[in-house]
């Protein structure tokens, strides 16, 4: 098993991806998104986190969630 270490205080590419996914998940949970949205973003890559964030900024979390769930149903 290959071990990855911090290099010069920077994350390795794998660590950077894991850290960003963790921050994205925390943001989704903080904004109280439902499981279907979390799964679509985190597991299936059906939704882009940047799209979710921009819709949340534009419509608010509740309205964005409704629109995103409708999008996933189609």
PDB file of N, CA and C in Angstrom:
ATOM      1  N   UNK A   1       0.842  -1.176   0.000  1.00  0.00           N
ATOM      2  CA  UNK A   1       0.000   0.000   0.000  1.00  0.00           C
ATOM      3  C   UNK A   1       0.886   1.238   0.000  1.00  0.00           C
ATOM      4  N   UNK A   2       0.627   2.114  -0.927  1.00  0.00           N
ATOM      5  CA  UNK A   2       1.426   3.330  -1.049  1.00  0.00           C
ATOM      6  C   UNK A   2       0.966   4.358  -0.018  1.00  0.00           C
ATOM      7  N   UNK A   3       1.917   4.942   0.690  1.00  0.00           N
ATOM      8  CA  UNK A   3       1.592   5.970   1.668  1.00  0.00           C
ATOM      9  C   UNK A   3       1.880   7.335   1.069  1.00  0.00           C
ATOM     10  N   UNK A   4       1.014   8.284   1.365  1.00  0.00           N
ATOM     11  CA  UNK A   4       1.216   9.643   0.892  1.00  0.00           C
ATOM     12  C   UNK A   4       1.453  10.544   2.091  1.00  0.00           C
ATOM     13  N   UNK A   5       2.386  11.442   1.947  1.00  0.00           N
ATOM     14  CA  UNK A   5       2.742  12.342   3.029  1.00  0.00           C
ATOM     15  C   UNK A   5       2.576  13.783   2.570  1.00  0.00           C
ATOM     16  N   UNK A   6       2.509  14.674   3.551  1.00  0.00           N
ATOM     17  CA  UNK A   6       2.525  16.095   3.227  1.00  0.00           C
ATOM     18  C   UNK A   6       3.874  16.439   2.630  1.00  0.00           C
ATOM     19  N   UNK A   7       3.858  17.167   1.560  1.00  0.00           N
ATOM     20  CA  UNK A   7       5.097  17.580   0.917  1.00  0.00           C
ATOM     21  C   UNK A   7       5.176  19.091   1.025  1.00  0.00           C
ATOM     22  N   UNK A   8       6.117  19.582   1.805  1.00  0.00           N
ATOM     23  CA  UNK A   8       6.263  21.025   1.946  1.00  0.00           C
ATOM     24  C   UNK A   8       5.023  21.706   2.482  1.00  0.00           C
ATOM     25  N   UNK A   9       4.235  21.001   3.286  1.00  0.00           N
ATOM     26  CA  UNK A   9       3.026  21.579   3.853  1.00  0.00           C
ATOM     27  C   UNK A   9       1.838  21.578   2.902  1.00  0.00           C
ATOM     28  N   UNK A  10       2.009  21.090   1.692  1.00  0.00           N
ATOM     29  CA  UNK A  10       0.919  21.045   0.724  1.00  0.00           C
ATOM     30  C   UNK A  10       0.312  19.647   0.689  1.00  0.00           C
ATOM     31  N   UNK A  11      -0.942  19.602   0.307  1.00  0.00           N
ATOM     32  CA  UNK A  11      -1.610  18.311   0.184  1.00  0.00           C
ATOM     33  C   UNK A  11      -1.160  17.609  -1.087  1.00  0.00           C
ATOM     34  N   UNK A  12      -1.080  16.307  -1.027  1.00  0.00           N
ATOM     35  CA  UNK A  12      -0.885  15.531  -2.251  1.00  0.00           C
ATOM     36  C   UNK A  12      -2.197  15.619  -3.037  1.00  0.00           C
ATOM     37  N   UNK A  13      -2.195  15.278  -4.310  1.00  0.00           N
ATOM     38  CA  UNK A  13      -3.442  15.357  -5.085  1.00  0.00           C
ATOM     39  C   UNK A  13      -4.595  14.559  -4.472  1.00  0.00           C
ATOM     40  N   UNK A  14      -4.306  13.386  -3.967  1.00  0.00           N
ATOM     41  CA  UNK A  14      -5.352  12.573  -3.345  1.00  0.00           C
ATOM     42  C   UNK A  14      -5.894  13.238  -2.092  1.00  0.00           C
ATOM     43  N   UNK A  15      -5.013  13.764  -1.259  1.00  0.00           N
ATOM     44  CA  UNK A  15      -5.450  14.445  -0.045  1.00  0.00           C
ATOM     45  C   UNK A  15      -6.259  15.688  -0.375  1.00  0.00           C
ATOM     46  N   UNK A  16      -5.879  16.399  -1.410  1.00  0.00           N
ATOM     47  CA  UNK A  16      -6.602  17.604  -1.804  1.00  0.00           C
ATOM     48  C   UNK A  16      -8.029  17.269  -2.230  1.00  0.00           C
ATOM     49  N   UNK A  17      -8.190  16.187  -2.969  1.00  0.00           N
ATOM     50  CA  UNK A  17      -9.526  15.768  -3.397  1.00  0.00           C
ATOM     51  C   UNK A  17     -10.367  15.369  -2.193  1.00  0.00           C
ATOM     52  N   UNK A  18      -9.802  14.591  -1.305  1.00  0.00           N
ATOM     53  CA  UNK A  18     -10.529  14.157  -0.105  1.00  0.00           C
ATOM     54  C   UNK A  18     -10.907  15.353   0.752  1.00  0.00           C
ATOM     55  N   UNK A  19      -9.988  16.271   0.927  1.00  0.00           N
ATOM     56  CA  UNK A  19     -10.272  17.469   1.728  1.00  0.00           C
ATOM     57  C   UNK A  19     -11.392  18.287   1.098  1.00  0.00           C
ATOM     58  N   UNK A  20     -11.352  18.482  -0.215  1.00  0.00           N
ATOM     59  CA  UNK A  20     -12.395  19.264  -0.879  1.00  0.00           C
ATOM     60  C   UNK A  20     -13.739  18.571  -0.781  1.00  0.00           C
ATOM     61  N   UNK A  21     -13.778  17.265  -0.950  1.00  0.00           N
ATOM     62  CA  UNK A  21     -15.041  16.532  -0.826  1.00  0.00           C
ATOM     63  C   UNK A  21     -15.598  16.641   0.596  1.00  0.00           C
ATOM     64  N   UNK A  22     -14.712  16.622   1.585  1.00  0.00           N
ATOM     65  CA  UNK A  22     -15.136  16.776   2.974  1.00  0.00           C
ATOM     66  C   UNK A  22     -15.727  18.160   3.204  1.00  0.00           C
ATOM     67  N   UNK A  23     -15.078  19.186   2.679  1.00  0.00           N
ATOM     68  CA  UNK A  23     -15.597  20.552   2.810  1.00  0.00           C
ATOM     69  C   UNK A  23     -16.935  20.696   2.096  1.00  0.00           C
ATOM     70  N   UNK A  24     -17.078  20.081   0.926  1.00  0.00           N
ATOM     71  CA  UNK A  24     -18.346  20.122   0.200  1.00  0.00           C
ATOM     72  C   UNK A  24     -19.452  19.438   0.993  1.00  0.00           C
ATOM     73  N   UNK A  25     -19.158  18.286   1.571  1.00  0.00           N
ATOM     74  CA  UNK A  25     -20.146  17.567   2.374  1.00  0.00           C
ATOM     75  C   UNK A  25     -20.549  18.386   3.590  1.00  0.00           C
ATOM     76  N   UNK A  26     -19.586  18.992   4.244  1.00  0.00           N
ATOM     77  CA  UNK A  26     -19.884  19.833   5.406  1.00  0.00           C
ATOM     78  C   UNK A  26     -20.793  20.993   5.003  1.00  0.00           C
ATOM     79  N   UNK A  27     -20.512  21.610   3.853  1.00  0.00           N
ATOM     80  CA  UNK A  27     -21.338  22.725   3.373  1.00  0.00           C
ATOM     81  C   UNK A  27     -22.769  22.249   3.116  1.00  0.00           C
ATOM     82  N   UNK A  28     -22.924  21.092   2.461  1.00  0.00           N
ATOM     83  CA  UNK A  28     -24.255  20.550   2.196  1.00  0.00           C
ATOM     84  C   UNK A  28     -25.006  20.267   3.491  1.00  0.00           C
ATOM     85  N   UNK A  29     -24.326  19.696   4.465  1.00  0.00           N
ATOM     86  CA  UNK A  29     -24.967  19.398   5.751  1.00  0.00           C
ATOM     87  C   UNK A  29     -25.325  20.674   6.500  1.00  0.00           C
ATOM     88  N   UNK A  30     -24.443  21.663   6.469  1.00  0.00           N
ATOM     89  CA  UNK A  30     -24.723  22.940   7.135  1.00  0.00           C
ATOM     90  C   UNK A  30     -25.951  23.623   6.548  1.00  0.00           C
ATOM     91  N   UNK A  31     -26.177  23.438   5.257  1.00  0.00           N
ATOM     92  CA  UNK A  31     -27.330  24.034   4.591  1.00  0.00           C
ATOM     93  C   UNK A  31     -28.540  23.109   4.571  1.00  0.00           C
ATOM     94  N   UNK A  32     -28.453  22.016   5.302  1.00  0.00           N
ATOM     95  CA  UNK A  32     -29.549  21.079   5.528  1.00  0.00           C
ATOM     96  C   UNK A  32     -30.145  20.509   4.241  1.00  0.00           C
ATOM     97  N   UNK A  33     -29.271  20.149   3.314  1.00  0.00           N
ATOM     98  CA  UNK A  33     -29.750  19.500   2.101  1.00  0.00           C
ATOM     99  C   UNK A  33     -30.139  18.059   2.415  1.00  0.00           C
ATOM    100  N   UNK A  34     -31.130  17.566   1.688  1.00  0.00           N
ATOM    101  CA  UNK A  34     -31.616  16.209   1.911  1.00  0.00           C
ATOM    102  C   UNK A  34     -30.634  15.178   1.367  1.00  0.00           C
ATOM    103  N   UNK A  35     -30.818  13.943   1.795  1.00  0.00           N
ATOM    104  CA  UNK A  35     -29.912  12.853   1.422  1.00  0.00           C
ATOM    105  C   UNK A  35     -29.782  12.671  -0.079  1.00  0.00           C
ATOM    106  N   UNK A  36     -30.879  12.861  -0.801  1.00  0.00           N
ATOM    107  CA  UNK A  36     -30.823  12.646  -2.247  1.00  0.00           C
ATOM    108  C   UNK A  36     -29.834  13.609  -2.901  1.00  0.00           C
ATOM    109  N   UNK A  37     -29.754  14.833  -2.412  1.00  0.00           N
ATOM    110  CA  UNK A  37     -28.813  15.818  -2.953  1.00  0.00           C
ATOM    111  C   UNK A  37     -27.396  15.435  -2.552  1.00  0.00           C
ATOM    112  N   UNK A  38     -27.206  15.063  -1.287  1.00  0.00           N
ATOM    113  CA  UNK A  38     -25.874  14.653  -0.839  1.00  0.00           C
ATOM    114  C   UNK A  38     -25.359  13.480  -1.661  1.00  0.00           C
ATOM    115  N   UNK A  39     -26.209  12.487  -1.878  1.00  0.00           N
ATOM    116  CA  UNK A  39     -25.800  11.321  -2.665  1.00  0.00           C
ATOM    117  C   UNK A  39     -25.488  11.696  -4.106  1.00  0.00           C
ATOM    118  N   UNK A  40     -26.304  12.560  -4.680  1.00  0.00           N
ATOM    119  CA  UNK A  40     -26.088  12.961  -6.075  1.00  0.00           C
ATOM    120  C   UNK A  40     -24.769  13.694  -6.247  1.00  0.00           C
ATOM    121  N   UNK A  41     -24.398  14.481  -5.261  1.00  0.00           N
ATOM    122  CA  UNK A  41     -23.142  15.234  -5.343  1.00  0.00           C
ATOM    123  C   UNK A  41     -21.958  14.361  -4.952  1.00  0.00           C
ATOM    124  N   UNK A  42     -22.056  13.694  -3.824  1.00  0.00           N
ATOM    125  CA  UNK A  42     -20.887  13.027  -3.257  1.00  0.00           C
ATOM    126  C   UNK A  42     -20.607  11.647  -3.864  1.00  0.00           C
ATOM    127  N   UNK A  43     -21.629  10.862  -4.134  1.00  0.00           N
ATOM    128  CA  UNK A  43     -21.392   9.487  -4.571  1.00  0.00           C
ATOM    129  C   UNK A  43     -21.496   9.287  -6.074  1.00  0.00           C
ATOM    130  N   UNK A  44     -22.442   9.928  -6.683  1.00  0.00           N
ATOM    131  CA  UNK A  44     -22.729   9.611  -8.074  1.00  0.00           C
ATOM    132  C   UNK A  44     -22.261  10.680  -9.049  1.00  0.00           C
ATOM    133  N   UNK A  45     -21.795  11.803  -8.557  1.00  0.00           N
ATOM    134  CA  UNK A  45     -21.364  12.915  -9.410  1.00  0.00           C
ATOM    135  C   UNK A  45     -22.440  13.296 -10.426  1.00  0.00           C
ATOM    136  N   UNK A  46     -23.700  13.197 -10.009  1.00  0.00           N
ATOM    137  CA  UNK A  46     -24.802  13.598 -10.876  1.00  0.00           C
ATOM    138  C   UNK A  46     -25.012  15.102 -10.829  1.00  0.00           C
ATOM    139  N   UNK A  47     -24.589  15.721  -9.743  1.00  0.00           N
ATOM    140  CA  UNK A  47     -24.686  17.166  -9.588  1.00  0.00           C
ATOM    141  C   UNK A  47     -23.315  17.716  -9.265  1.00  0.00           C
ATOM    142  N   UNK A  48     -23.029  18.870  -9.817  1.00  0.00           N
ATOM    143  CA  UNK A  48     -21.780  19.549  -9.531  1.00  0.00           C
ATOM    144  C   UNK A  48     -21.988  20.436  -8.307  1.00  0.00           C
ATOM    145  N   UNK A  49     -21.072  20.384  -7.368  1.00  0.00           N
ATOM    146  CA  UNK A  49     -21.213  21.171  -6.135  1.00  0.00           C
ATOM    147  C   UNK A  49     -21.270  22.662  -6.437  1.00  0.00           C
ATOM    148  N   UNK A  50     -20.562  23.113  -7.468  1.00  0.00           N
ATOM    149  CA  UNK A  50     -20.602  24.532  -7.820  1.00  0.00           C
ATOM    150  C   UNK A  50     -21.993  24.948  -8.293  1.00  0.00           C
ATOM    151  N   UNK A  51     -22.677  24.063  -9.015  1.00  0.00           N
ATOM    152  CA  UNK A  51     -24.055  24.332  -9.424  1.00  0.00           C
ATOM    153  C   UNK A  51     -24.963  24.437  -8.202  1.00  0.00           C
ATOM    154  N   UNK A  52     -24.806  23.521  -7.267  1.00  0.00           N
ATOM    155  CA  UNK A  52     -25.622  23.537  -6.049  1.00  0.00           C
ATOM    156  C   UNK A  52     -25.386  24.832  -5.275  1.00  0.00           C
ATOM    157  N   UNK A  53     -24.134  25.235  -5.148  1.00  0.00           N
ATOM    158  CA  UNK A  53     -23.819  26.463  -4.412  1.00  0.00           C
ATOM    159  C   UNK A  53     -24.363  27.698  -5.115  1.00  0.00           C
ATOM    160  N   UNK A  54     -24.242  27.762  -6.432  1.00  0.00           N
ATOM    161  CA  UNK A  54     -24.743  28.938  -7.149  1.00  0.00           C
ATOM    162  C   UNK A  54     -26.265  29.017  -7.084  1.00  0.00           C
ATOM    163  N   UNK A  55     -26.941  27.872  -7.177  1.00  0.00           N
ATOM    164  CA  UNK A  55     -28.400  27.880  -7.042  1.00  0.00           C
ATOM    165  C   UNK A  55     -28.818  28.275  -5.635  1.00  0.00           C
ATOM    166  N   UNK A  56     -28.057  27.842  -4.643  1.00  0.00           N
ATOM    167  CA  UNK A  56     -28.363  28.209  -3.264  1.00  0.00           C
ATOM    168  C   UNK A  56     -28.194  29.707  -3.064  1.00  0.00           C
ATOM    169  N   UNK A  57     -27.138  30.271  -3.628  1.00  0.00           N
ATOM    170  CA  UNK A  57     -26.933  31.719  -3.538  1.00  0.00           C
ATOM    171  C   UNK A  57     -28.060  32.476  -4.230  1.00  0.00           C
ATOM    172  N   UNK A  58     -28.530  31.935  -5.334  1.00  0.00           N
ATOM    173  CA  UNK A  58     -29.546  32.631  -6.124  1.00  0.00           C
ATOM    174  C   UNK A  58     -30.951  32.492  -5.546  1.00  0.00           C
ATOM    175  N   UNK A  59     -31.320  31.273  -5.131  1.00  0.00           N
ATOM    176  CA  UNK A  59     -32.692  31.007  -4.714  1.00  0.00           C
ATOM    177  C   UNK A  59     -32.869  30.754  -3.222  1.00  0.00           C
ATOM    178  N   UNK A  60     -31.796  30.534  -2.506  1.00  0.00           N
ATOM    179  CA  UNK A  60     -31.886  30.096  -1.117  1.00  0.00           C
ATOM    180  C   UNK A  60     -31.878  28.577  -1.075  1.00  0.00           C
ATOM    181  N   UNK A  61     -31.528  28.028   0.060  1.00  0.00           N
ATOM    182  CA  UNK A  61     -31.338  26.582   0.176  1.00  0.00           C
ATOM    183  C   UNK A  61     -32.619  25.795  -0.086  1.00  0.00           C
ATOM    184  N   UNK A  62     -33.737  26.265   0.451  1.00  0.00           N
ATOM    185  CA  UNK A  62     -34.987  25.511   0.313  1.00  0.00           C
ATOM    186  C   UNK A  62     -35.437  25.437  -1.147  1.00  0.00           C
ATOM    187  N   UNK A  63     -35.459  26.570  -1.829  1.00  0.00           N
ATOM    188  CA  UNK A  63     -35.888  26.592  -3.232  1.00  0.00           C
ATOM    189  C   UNK A  63     -34.900  25.852  -4.128  1.00  0.00           C
ATOM    190  N   UNK A  64     -33.621  26.015  -3.861  1.00  0.00           N
ATOM    191  CA  UNK A  64     -32.599  25.317  -4.650  1.00  0.00           C
ATOM    192  C   UNK A  64     -32.775  23.808  -4.524  1.00  0.00           C
ATOM    193  N   UNK A  65     -33.073  23.364  -3.318  1.00  0.00           N
ATOM    194  CA  UNK A  65     -33.248  21.935  -3.086  1.00  0.00           C
ATOM    195  C   UNK A  65     -34.434  21.386  -3.874  1.00  0.00           C
ATOM    196  N   UNK A  66     -35.531  22.125  -3.893  1.00  0.00           N
ATOM    197  CA  UNK A  66     -36.714  21.704  -4.651  1.00  0.00           C
ATOM    198  C   UNK A  66     -36.382  21.595  -6.131  1.00  0.00           C
ATOM    199  N   UNK A  67     -35.703  22.613  -6.659  1.00  0.00           N
ATOM    200  CA  UNK A  67     -35.351  22.608  -8.084  1.00  0.00           C
ATOM    201  C   UNK A  67     -34.385  21.472  -8.421  1.00  0.00           C
ATOM    202  N   UNK A  68     -33.429  21.233  -7.539  1.00  0.00           N
ATOM    203  CA  UNK A  68     -32.451  20.174  -7.789  1.00  0.00           C
ATOM    204  C   UNK A  68     -33.091  18.790  -7.746  1.00  0.00           C
ATOM    205  N   UNK A  69     -34.019  18.586  -6.824  1.00  0.00           N
ATOM    206  CA  UNK A  69     -34.718  17.296  -6.746  1.00  0.00           C
ATOM    207  C   UNK A  69     -35.561  17.085  -7.999  1.00  0.00           C
ATOM    208  N   UNK A  70     -36.224  18.146  -8.481  1.00  0.00           N
ATOM    209  CA  UNK A  70     -36.985  18.035  -9.726  1.00  0.00           C
ATOM    210  C   UNK A  70     -36.063  17.692 -10.889  1.00  0.00           C
ATOM    211  N   UNK A  71     -34.890  18.317 -10.919  1.00  0.00           N
ATOM    212  CA  UNK A  71     -33.909  18.035 -11.965  1.00  0.00           C
ATOM    213  C   UNK A  71     -33.479  16.571 -11.923  1.00  0.00           C
ATOM    214  N   UNK A  72     -33.243  16.039 -10.731  1.00  0.00           N
ATOM    215  CA  UNK A  72     -32.812  14.648 -10.593  1.00  0.00           C
ATOM    216  C   UNK A  72     -33.901  13.664 -11.002  1.00  0.00           C
ATOM    217  N   UNK A  73     -35.150  14.044 -10.815  1.00  0.00           N
ATOM    218  CA  UNK A  73     -36.260  13.156 -11.182  1.00  0.00           C
ATOM    219  C   UNK A  73     -36.394  13.012 -12.689  1.00  0.00           C
ATOM    220  N   UNK A  74     -36.004  14.039 -13.416  1.00  0.00           N
ATOM    221  CA  UNK A  74     -36.151  14.015 -14.891  1.00  0.00           C
ATOM    222  C   UNK A  74     -35.166  13.147 -15.549  1.00  0.00           C
TER     223      UNK A  74
END
